[in-house]
N, C-alpha and C. Protein backbone atom coordinates (compact mmCIF):
# COMPACT_ATOMS: atom_id res chain seq x y z
N MET A 1 -24.64 -11.18 17.32
CA MET A 1 -23.46 -11.08 17.25
C MET A 1 -23.39 -9.56 18.03
N LEU A 2 -24.73 -9.01 17.23
CA LEU A 2 -25.42 -7.63 18.38
C LEU A 2 -26.01 -7.70 20.02
N LYS A 3 -26.78 -8.70 20.06
CA LYS A 3 -26.77 -8.91 21.40
C LYS A 3 -25.22 -9.48 22.05
N ASP A 4 -25.17 -10.13 22.30
CA ASP A 4 -23.37 -10.27 22.31
C ASP A 4 -22.79 -8.92 22.83
N ALA A 5 -22.85 -7.72 21.94
CA ALA A 5 -22.25 -6.98 22.60
C ALA A 5 -23.19 -5.70 22.90
N LYS A 6 -24.55 -6.53 22.83
CA LYS A 6 -25.46 -5.63 23.50
C LYS A 6 -25.81 -4.10 23.36
N LEU A 7 -26.12 -4.18 22.15
CA LEU A 7 -26.44 -3.24 20.73
C LEU A 7 -27.79 -3.60 20.74
N ALA A 8 -28.57 -2.78 20.05
CA ALA A 8 -30.01 -2.71 20.01
C ALA A 8 -30.27 -3.64 18.26
N HIS A 9 -31.14 -4.59 18.16
CA HIS A 9 -31.28 -4.69 17.09
C HIS A 9 -31.60 -3.77 15.76
N ASP A 10 -31.30 -2.47 16.21
CA ASP A 10 -31.24 -1.70 14.44
C ASP A 10 -30.38 -0.93 14.60
N PHE A 11 -29.78 -1.22 15.17
CA PHE A 11 -28.30 -0.39 15.24
C PHE A 11 -27.64 -0.19 14.59
N LEU A 12 -27.16 -0.57 13.60
CA LEU A 12 -26.91 -0.39 12.30
C LEU A 12 -27.97 0.31 11.44
N HIS A 13 -28.66 0.74 11.65
CA HIS A 13 -29.33 1.35 10.57
C HIS A 13 -29.78 2.32 10.99
N VAL A 14 -29.69 3.09 12.14
CA VAL A 14 -29.69 4.01 13.39
C VAL A 14 -28.99 4.44 13.49
N VAL A 15 -27.98 5.49 12.96
CA VAL A 15 -27.08 6.80 12.96
C VAL A 15 -27.47 7.99 14.35
N PRO A 16 -26.37 7.81 15.06
CA PRO A 16 -26.95 8.86 15.77
C PRO A 16 -26.52 10.77 14.48
N ALA A 17 -27.04 11.34 15.65
CA ALA A 17 -27.22 12.63 14.66
C ALA A 17 -25.53 13.26 14.69
N HIS A 18 -24.30 13.07 15.44
CA HIS A 18 -22.97 13.52 15.86
C HIS A 18 -22.65 12.01 14.90
N SER A 19 -22.13 11.03 15.33
CA SER A 19 -21.05 10.56 15.15
C SER A 19 -21.72 9.84 15.89
N ARG A 20 -20.90 7.82 16.51
CA ARG A 20 -20.75 7.35 16.97
C ARG A 20 -19.76 7.35 17.79
N ARG A 21 -19.89 6.83 19.18
CA ARG A 21 -19.04 6.83 20.27
C ARG A 21 -17.64 5.84 20.15
N VAL A 22 -16.71 5.72 20.51
CA VAL A 22 -15.38 5.51 20.34
C VAL A 22 -15.88 3.88 21.37
N ASP A 23 -16.45 3.84 22.18
CA ASP A 23 -17.12 2.83 23.47
C ASP A 23 -18.58 1.96 22.71
N THR A 24 -18.18 2.56 21.64
CA THR A 24 -19.75 2.12 20.94
C THR A 24 -19.16 1.40 19.62
N LEU A 25 -17.96 2.21 18.64
CA LEU A 25 -16.74 1.69 17.93
C LEU A 25 -16.59 0.55 18.11
N GLU A 26 -16.25 0.87 19.39
CA GLU A 26 -15.19 -0.20 20.09
C GLU A 26 -16.32 -1.98 20.81
N LYS A 27 -17.54 -1.57 20.91
CA LYS A 27 -17.85 -3.07 20.37
C LYS A 27 -18.32 -3.19 20.12
N ILE A 28 -18.80 -3.04 18.90
CA ILE A 28 -18.70 -3.49 17.77
C ILE A 28 -17.36 -3.96 17.32
N ALA A 29 -16.40 -3.51 17.45
CA ALA A 29 -15.39 -4.58 17.09
C ALA A 29 -14.80 -5.65 17.82
N LYS A 30 -15.24 -5.27 18.96
CA LYS A 30 -14.97 -6.62 19.67
C LYS A 30 -15.84 -7.72 19.15
N ALA A 31 -17.07 -7.02 19.36
CA ALA A 31 -18.09 -8.25 18.31
C ALA A 31 -18.32 -8.71 17.03
N LEU A 32 -17.04 -8.00 16.44
CA LEU A 32 -16.72 -8.52 14.69
C LEU A 32 -15.54 -9.54 14.90
N ASP A 33 -14.45 -9.28 15.87
CA ASP A 33 -13.64 -9.65 16.53
C ASP A 33 -12.41 -9.10 15.00
N TRP A 34 -12.93 -7.39 14.82
CA TRP A 34 -12.36 -6.81 14.40
C TRP A 34 -11.21 -5.65 14.74
N SER A 35 -10.55 -4.66 14.25
CA SER A 35 -9.74 -3.84 15.52
C SER A 35 -10.64 -2.30 15.01
N LEU A 36 -9.97 -1.91 15.95
CA LEU A 36 -11.29 -0.43 16.16
C LEU A 36 -11.01 0.38 14.59
N PRO A 37 -9.86 0.32 13.46
CA PRO A 37 -8.85 1.22 12.90
C PRO A 37 -10.40 0.26 11.69
N GLU A 38 -10.82 -0.77 11.78
CA GLU A 38 -11.37 -1.65 10.89
C GLU A 38 -12.67 -1.30 10.73
N VAL A 39 -13.22 -1.58 11.76
CA VAL A 39 -14.19 -1.06 12.27
C VAL A 39 -14.78 1.03 11.48
N MET A 40 -13.60 1.38 11.24
CA MET A 40 -14.12 2.70 11.64
C MET A 40 -13.69 3.29 9.76
N GLY A 41 -12.98 1.85 9.11
CA GLY A 41 -13.47 1.94 7.48
C GLY A 41 -11.74 1.95 7.42
N LEU A 42 -10.63 2.43 8.54
CA LEU A 42 -9.24 3.63 8.17
C LEU A 42 -8.56 1.99 8.12
N GLU A 43 -7.08 2.22 7.24
CA GLU A 43 -6.19 1.34 6.94
C GLU A 43 -4.63 1.84 7.82
N LEU A 44 -4.27 1.03 8.48
CA LEU A 44 -3.00 1.61 9.77
C LEU A 44 -2.05 1.53 8.71
N ILE A 45 -1.50 3.00 8.89
CA ILE A 45 -0.55 3.33 7.70
C ILE A 45 0.82 2.46 8.65
N GLY A 46 1.80 1.86 7.75
CA GLY A 46 3.23 1.33 8.02
C GLY A 46 2.77 0.34 8.32
N GLN A 47 1.89 -0.46 7.65
CA GLN A 47 2.05 -1.78 8.29
C GLN A 47 2.38 -2.87 6.17
N ALA A 48 3.25 -2.83 6.07
CA ALA A 48 3.58 -3.29 4.30
C ALA A 48 3.46 -4.79 4.77
N ASP A 49 3.05 -4.60 3.57
CA ASP A 49 2.83 -7.18 3.61
C ASP A 49 4.24 -7.03 2.95
N VAL A 50 4.84 -8.25 4.36
CA VAL A 50 6.39 -8.59 3.35
C VAL A 50 6.28 -8.89 2.61
N GLU A 51 6.11 -10.29 2.48
CA GLU A 51 5.77 -10.72 0.83
C GLU A 51 6.27 -9.57 -0.22
N LEU A 52 4.99 -8.98 -0.11
CA LEU A 52 4.53 -7.69 -1.24
C LEU A 52 6.48 -7.10 -1.24
N MET A 53 6.50 -6.63 0.26
CA MET A 53 8.15 -5.86 -0.11
C MET A 53 9.08 -6.73 0.43
N ILE A 54 9.17 -8.26 0.34
CA ILE A 54 10.25 -8.89 -0.67
C ILE A 54 10.06 -8.77 -2.17
N LYS A 55 9.25 -8.52 -2.43
CA LYS A 55 9.62 -8.13 -4.17
C LYS A 55 9.86 -7.00 -4.88
N THR A 56 9.19 -5.93 -3.69
CA THR A 56 9.43 -4.45 -3.94
C THR A 56 10.89 -4.37 -4.01
N VAL A 57 11.78 -4.79 -3.10
CA VAL A 57 12.54 -4.60 -3.31
C VAL A 57 13.55 -5.57 -3.70
N TYR A 58 12.95 -6.64 -4.22
CA TYR A 58 13.71 -7.75 -5.14
C TYR A 58 13.72 -6.84 -6.99
N VAL A 59 12.65 -6.18 -7.02
CA VAL A 59 12.25 -5.34 -8.47
C VAL A 59 13.48 -3.88 -8.33
N ALA A 60 13.59 -3.47 -7.15
CA ALA A 60 13.79 -2.21 -6.95
C ALA A 60 15.63 -2.50 -6.91
N ARG A 61 16.07 -3.90 -6.39
CA ARG A 61 17.60 -3.96 -6.36
C ARG A 61 18.30 -3.83 -8.44
N LYS A 62 17.27 -5.15 -8.77
CA LYS A 62 17.67 -4.22 -10.33
C LYS A 62 17.48 -3.83 -10.82
N VAL A 63 16.52 -2.30 -10.72
CA VAL A 63 16.01 -1.01 -11.46
C VAL A 63 18.29 -0.69 -10.39
N VAL A 64 17.62 -0.23 -9.28
CA VAL A 64 19.14 0.35 -8.58
C VAL A 64 20.73 0.02 -9.35
N SER A 65 20.82 -1.23 -9.65
CA SER A 65 21.70 -1.55 -10.09
C SER A 65 22.32 -0.96 -11.46
N TYR A 66 21.16 -0.45 -11.88
CA TYR A 66 21.76 0.16 -13.73
C TYR A 66 22.09 1.39 -13.08
N LEU A 67 21.30 2.00 -12.14
CA LEU A 67 21.80 3.43 -11.49
C LEU A 67 23.52 3.47 -11.94
N PHE A 68 24.07 5.46 -12.14
CA PHE A 68 24.83 5.63 -12.23
C PHE A 68 25.23 6.20 -11.30
N GLU A 69 24.32 7.14 -10.17
CA GLU A 69 24.17 7.40 -8.64
C GLU A 69 23.66 7.66 -7.88
N PRO A 70 22.94 6.04 -7.31
CA PRO A 70 21.92 6.04 -6.82
C PRO A 70 21.91 6.82 -5.32
N ASN A 71 20.96 7.81 -5.01
CA ASN A 71 21.23 8.22 -3.84
C ASN A 71 19.24 7.61 -2.83
N ALA A 72 19.86 8.06 -1.08
CA ALA A 72 18.57 7.53 -0.37
C ALA A 72 17.06 7.90 -1.17
N GLU A 73 17.45 9.87 -1.60
CA GLU A 73 15.91 9.46 -1.78
C GLU A 73 15.06 9.08 -3.32
N LEU A 74 15.77 8.80 -3.97
CA LEU A 74 15.67 7.79 -5.73
C LEU A 74 15.71 6.79 -5.19
N GLU A 75 16.56 5.90 -3.83
CA GLU A 75 15.67 5.00 -4.38
C GLU A 75 14.85 4.99 -3.27
N ALA A 76 14.23 5.88 -2.34
CA ALA A 76 12.99 5.30 -1.36
C ALA A 76 11.59 5.90 -2.33
N GLN A 77 12.01 6.83 -3.78
CA GLN A 77 11.24 6.61 -4.44
C GLN A 77 10.69 5.70 -5.05
N ILE A 78 11.67 4.98 -5.76
CA ILE A 78 11.62 3.90 -6.77
C ILE A 78 10.73 2.18 -5.87
N LEU A 79 11.38 2.38 -4.64
CA LEU A 79 10.74 1.19 -3.74
C LEU A 79 9.36 2.20 -3.30
N THR A 80 8.81 3.11 -3.03
CA THR A 80 7.82 3.46 -2.90
C THR A 80 6.83 3.27 -4.40
N SER A 81 7.53 3.21 -5.50
CA SER A 81 6.40 3.48 -6.65
C SER A 81 6.39 1.57 -7.12
N ILE A 82 7.52 0.99 -6.80
CA ILE A 82 6.75 -0.48 -7.16
C ILE A 82 6.28 -0.70 -6.33
N TYR A 83 6.31 -0.43 -5.04
CA TYR A 83 5.37 -1.09 -4.10
C TYR A 83 3.99 -0.64 -4.25
N ASN A 84 3.98 0.74 -4.76
CA ASN A 84 2.55 1.22 -4.44
C ASN A 84 1.90 0.36 -6.34
N ILE A 85 2.50 -0.09 -7.18
CA ILE A 85 2.42 -0.52 -8.42
C ILE A 85 2.34 -2.57 -8.01
N LEU A 86 3.09 -3.19 -7.14
CA LEU A 86 2.70 -4.49 -6.54
C LEU A 86 1.10 -4.25 -6.24
N LEU A 87 0.98 -3.08 -5.37
CA LEU A 87 -0.41 -3.36 -4.25
C LEU A 87 -1.25 -3.15 -4.67
N ASP A 88 -1.66 -1.90 -6.32
CA ASP A 88 -1.75 -2.63 -6.90
C ASP A 88 -2.46 -3.34 -7.80
N ARG A 89 -1.67 -3.99 -8.37
CA ARG A 89 -1.92 -5.26 -8.75
C ARG A 89 -2.70 -6.25 -7.56
N GLN A 90 -2.21 -6.50 -6.48
CA GLN A 90 -2.93 -6.98 -5.66
C GLN A 90 -4.28 -7.25 -5.29
N HIS A 91 -4.76 -5.69 -4.85
CA HIS A 91 -6.01 -5.24 -4.81
C HIS A 91 -6.70 -5.95 -5.86
N ALA A 92 -6.50 -5.88 -6.74
CA ALA A 92 -6.94 -5.96 -8.63
C ALA A 92 -7.14 -7.43 -8.57
N GLY A 93 -6.62 -8.30 -7.75
CA GLY A 93 -6.36 -9.42 -8.41
C GLY A 93 -5.68 -10.61 -9.09
N GLN A 94 -4.57 -9.42 -9.73
CA GLN A 94 -3.49 -9.18 -10.83
C GLN A 94 -2.15 -10.24 -10.67
N PRO A 95 -2.22 -11.28 -11.24
CA PRO A 95 -0.69 -12.48 -10.72
C PRO A 95 0.63 -11.01 -10.22
N ILE A 96 1.46 -11.51 -9.71
CA ILE A 96 2.55 -10.97 -9.34
C ILE A 96 3.75 -11.91 -9.04
N ASP A 97 3.50 -12.49 -10.49
CA ASP A 97 4.67 -13.51 -10.71
C ASP A 97 5.91 -13.10 -12.04
N GLN A 98 7.19 -14.10 -11.09
CA GLN A 98 8.38 -13.02 -11.97
C GLN A 98 8.16 -12.72 -13.20
N PRO A 99 7.62 -12.92 -14.27
CA PRO A 99 7.99 -12.23 -15.87
C PRO A 99 7.08 -10.82 -15.21
N ILE A 100 5.76 -11.06 -14.61
CA ILE A 100 5.20 -9.58 -14.12
C ILE A 100 6.46 -8.38 -13.25
N LEU A 101 7.13 -9.14 -12.23
CA LEU A 101 8.21 -8.53 -11.58
C LEU A 101 9.32 -7.88 -12.50
N ASP A 102 9.80 -9.10 -13.11
CA ASP A 102 10.83 -8.41 -14.10
C ASP A 102 10.42 -7.72 -15.24
N LEU A 103 9.07 -7.63 -15.75
CA LEU A 103 8.56 -6.68 -16.20
C LEU A 103 8.44 -4.97 -15.81
N ILE A 104 8.52 -5.49 -14.93
CA ILE A 104 8.17 -4.09 -14.16
C ILE A 104 9.39 -3.22 -13.59
N ALA A 105 11.13 -4.70 -13.44
CA ALA A 105 12.07 -3.76 -13.44
C ALA A 105 12.38 -3.55 -15.14
N GLU A 106 11.84 -3.90 -15.24
CA GLU A 106 13.02 -3.24 -16.80
C GLU A 106 11.83 -2.00 -17.32
N MET A 107 10.55 -1.50 -16.87
CA MET A 107 10.06 -0.51 -17.34
C MET A 107 10.41 0.54 -16.64
N MET A 108 10.71 -0.34 -15.05
CA MET A 108 11.31 1.23 -14.07
C MET A 108 12.82 1.55 -14.27
N THR A 109 13.80 0.61 -14.88
CA THR A 109 15.00 1.01 -15.28
C THR A 109 15.03 1.70 -16.87
N LYS A 110 14.24 1.39 -17.39
CA LYS A 110 13.84 2.49 -18.59
C LYS A 110 14.16 3.42 -18.30
N ARG A 111 12.96 3.72 -17.71
CA ARG A 111 11.94 5.11 -16.49
C ARG A 111 13.65 6.03 -16.25
N GLU A 112 13.88 5.50 -15.31
CA GLU A 112 15.25 6.12 -14.69
C GLU A 112 16.01 6.33 -15.25
N ALA A 113 16.50 5.35 -16.30
CA ALA A 113 17.63 6.07 -17.88
C ALA A 113 17.28 7.00 -18.24
N THR A 114 15.83 7.39 -18.72
CA THR A 114 15.13 8.40 -19.03
C THR A 114 15.33 9.62 -18.68
N ALA A 115 15.08 9.42 -17.46
CA ALA A 115 14.92 10.65 -15.92
C ALA A 115 16.34 11.14 -15.90
N ALA A 116 17.36 9.96 -16.50
CA ALA A 116 18.77 10.43 -15.88
C ALA A 116 19.12 10.70 -17.54
N ALA A 117 19.26 10.35 -18.67
CA ALA A 117 19.76 11.77 -19.38
C ALA A 117 19.48 12.70 -19.64
N ARG A 118 17.97 12.97 -19.41
CA ARG A 118 17.67 14.76 -19.09
C ARG A 118 18.58 14.96 -18.92
N ALA A 119 18.06 15.04 -17.33
CA ALA A 119 18.85 15.10 -16.02
C ALA A 119 20.67 15.90 -16.18
N THR A 120 21.31 14.94 -16.92
CA THR A 120 22.69 15.30 -18.34
C THR A 120 22.23 16.18 -18.91
N ARG A 121 21.23 16.37 -20.05
CA ARG A 121 21.56 16.42 -20.89
C ARG A 121 22.02 18.35 -21.12
N PRO A 122 22.46 18.91 -21.69
CA PRO A 122 22.99 20.22 -21.35
C PRO A 122 21.61 21.15 -22.11
N SER A 123 21.22 22.47 -20.97
CA SER A 123 20.06 22.97 -21.46
C SER A 123 20.70 23.96 -22.40
N SER A 124 20.04 24.20 -23.13
CA SER A 124 19.94 25.29 -25.01
C SER A 124 19.85 26.30 -24.84
């Protein structure tokens, strides 16, 4: 693989004093059939897992249906929280099945109901 990329056999063991050049990283990416961000250890922002997003929207709709005054900011916060919970479970290899989705919806609904109750209480 290194030979195909025209790189020395000790290339991965010897790191330049400053850093690798982009053209060198591109050669590594090509040899590995990776993208440049993958070689650099970066995750691309904005590439959401569609199946995970579908599950996120399912849960968020259940939560938002219980809100008296939903707004775009609150809905975005709820979606983000749910997506991050599901993403963490996915990365940990934990199941994301219907009972889990319902449990997360219940947990988030209770959290939002508590927050709404606190916000409407008169201050003493």
